[in-house]
Amino acid sequence: MAKGTGVTARDQNWQAAVGQWRLLDLATRGEVLDGNLYTAPGRFGGGGAGTTWLGASAEDAARSLRRYQGLGITHFVLSDTPYLPGIRRQGDELLPLLRG
């Protein structure tokens, strides 16, 4: 991604949802927000889903998710690549921290 131009082909009928526009707006503020929320995927991913990454250790990710929860966010979509190892890592390392 870093070696790309930041421009990808997009369907001419594509329209971003309001939430997507908010994420793309965040990307204009910088590449790293609040310590470990990365906005670079929004520039290179064509504006689809997954325009931000929470890149952190399990402890830092749990801390950030708790902070977002304190702001009133009630749902999170957690994904990782490669998918199966990422899901295992979340289940083994992140979820126990969030349950505690």
Protein backbone atom coordinates (compact mmCIF):
# COMPACT_ATOMS: atom_id res chain seq x y z
CA MET A 1 0.00 0.00 0.00
CA ALA A 2 2.73 2.46 0.95
CA LYS A 3 4.30 2.12 -2.50
CA GLY A 4 0.99 2.76 -4.26
CA THR A 5 -0.32 6.05 -5.55
CA GLY A 6 -3.18 6.26 -3.09
CA VAL A 7 -5.65 6.06 -5.96
CA THR A 8 -7.68 2.98 -6.82
CA ALA A 9 -10.30 2.35 -9.48
CA ARG A 10 -13.81 2.87 -8.19
CA ASP A 11 -17.22 2.03 -9.55
CA GLN A 12 -18.68 5.23 -11.00
CA ASN A 13 -21.91 4.63 -9.06
CA TRP A 14 -20.11 4.23 -5.71
CA GLN A 15 -21.29 6.51 -2.92
CA ALA A 16 -19.95 6.52 0.61
CA ALA A 17 -22.31 6.27 3.56
CA VAL A 18 -22.26 9.02 6.17
CA GLY A 19 -20.12 6.90 8.50
CA GLN A 20 -17.67 6.26 5.68
CA TRP A 21 -17.36 9.98 4.99
CA ARG A 22 -16.56 10.51 8.67
CA LEU A 23 -13.77 7.94 8.48
CA LEU A 24 -12.37 9.51 5.32
CA ASP A 25 -12.48 12.91 7.06
CA LEU A 26 -10.41 11.46 9.89
CA ALA A 27 -7.78 10.45 7.35
CA THR A 28 -7.31 14.10 6.38
CA ARG A 29 -6.26 14.88 9.95
CA GLY A 30 -3.24 12.62 9.92
CA GLU A 31 -2.06 9.09 9.55
CA VAL A 32 -2.15 8.16 13.23
CA LEU A 33 -4.93 9.31 15.54
CA ASP A 34 -4.98 8.91 19.33
CA GLY A 35 -1.86 6.79 19.51
CA ASN A 36 -2.72 3.64 17.60
CA LEU A 37 -5.66 4.32 15.28
CA TYR A 38 -4.17 4.39 11.77
CA THR A 39 -6.01 6.09 8.92
CA ALA A 40 -3.69 5.11 6.03
CA PRO A 41 -5.99 2.31 4.79
CA GLY A 42 -8.58 4.95 3.83
CA ARG A 43 -6.17 6.56 1.39
CA PHE A 44 -5.15 3.30 -0.25
CA GLY A 45 -8.22 1.13 0.10
CA GLY A 46 -10.49 3.10 -2.20
CA GLY A 47 -12.79 4.38 0.52
CA GLY A 48 -14.55 1.12 1.25
CA ALA A 49 -14.89 -0.57 4.59
CA GLY A 50 -11.84 -0.91 6.75
CA THR A 51 -10.51 2.61 6.34
CA THR A 52 -8.94 2.62 9.77
CA TRP A 53 -6.76 0.13 11.61
CA LEU A 54 -6.27 -0.21 15.33
CA GLY A 55 -2.65 -1.29 15.20
CA ALA A 56 -1.50 -2.15 18.67
CA SER A 57 -0.62 -4.81 21.16
CA ALA A 58 -3.58 -6.56 22.75
CA GLU A 59 -3.14 -4.42 25.87
CA ASP A 60 -3.06 -1.15 23.91
CA ALA A 61 -5.98 -2.20 21.73
CA ALA A 62 -8.05 -3.10 24.82
CA ARG A 63 -7.19 0.26 26.38
CA SER A 64 -8.28 2.09 23.21
CA LEU A 65 -11.49 0.09 22.89
CA ARG A 66 -12.34 0.86 26.53
CA ARG A 67 -11.70 4.55 25.86
CA TYR A 68 -14.02 4.45 22.84
CA GLN A 69 -16.59 2.63 24.95
CA GLY A 70 -16.37 5.48 27.46
CA LEU A 71 -17.23 7.88 24.63
CA GLY A 72 -20.45 5.94 24.03
CA ILE A 73 -19.41 3.56 21.25
CA THR A 74 -21.23 0.29 21.85
CA HIS A 75 -20.24 -1.87 18.86
CA PHE A 76 -16.92 -2.64 17.22
CA VAL A 77 -16.07 -4.66 14.14
CA LEU A 78 -12.84 -6.50 14.87
CA SER A 79 -11.04 -8.17 12.02
CA ASP A 80 -7.46 -9.02 11.29
CA THR A 81 -5.32 -10.50 8.57
CA PRO A 82 -4.37 -13.15 7.95
CA TYR A 83 -7.88 -13.96 9.05
CA LEU A 84 -7.69 -17.25 10.93
CA PRO A 85 -4.48 -16.44 12.86
CA GLY A 86 -5.84 -12.95 13.55
CA ILE A 87 -9.11 -14.28 14.91
CA ARG A 88 -7.24 -16.72 17.12
CA ARG A 89 -4.99 -13.92 18.38
CA GLN A 90 -8.02 -11.75 19.19
CA GLY A 91 -9.71 -14.62 21.00
CA ASP A 92 -6.62 -15.61 22.94
CA GLU A 93 -5.13 -12.19 23.72
CA LEU A 94 -7.64 -9.34 23.26
CA LEU A 95 -11.02 -10.71 24.31
CA PRO A 96 -9.85 -11.88 27.76
CA LEU A 97 -8.65 -8.32 28.45
CA LEU A 98 -12.00 -6.90 27.41
CA ARG A 99 -13.95 -9.37 29.56
CA GLY A 100 -11.97 -8.50 32.69
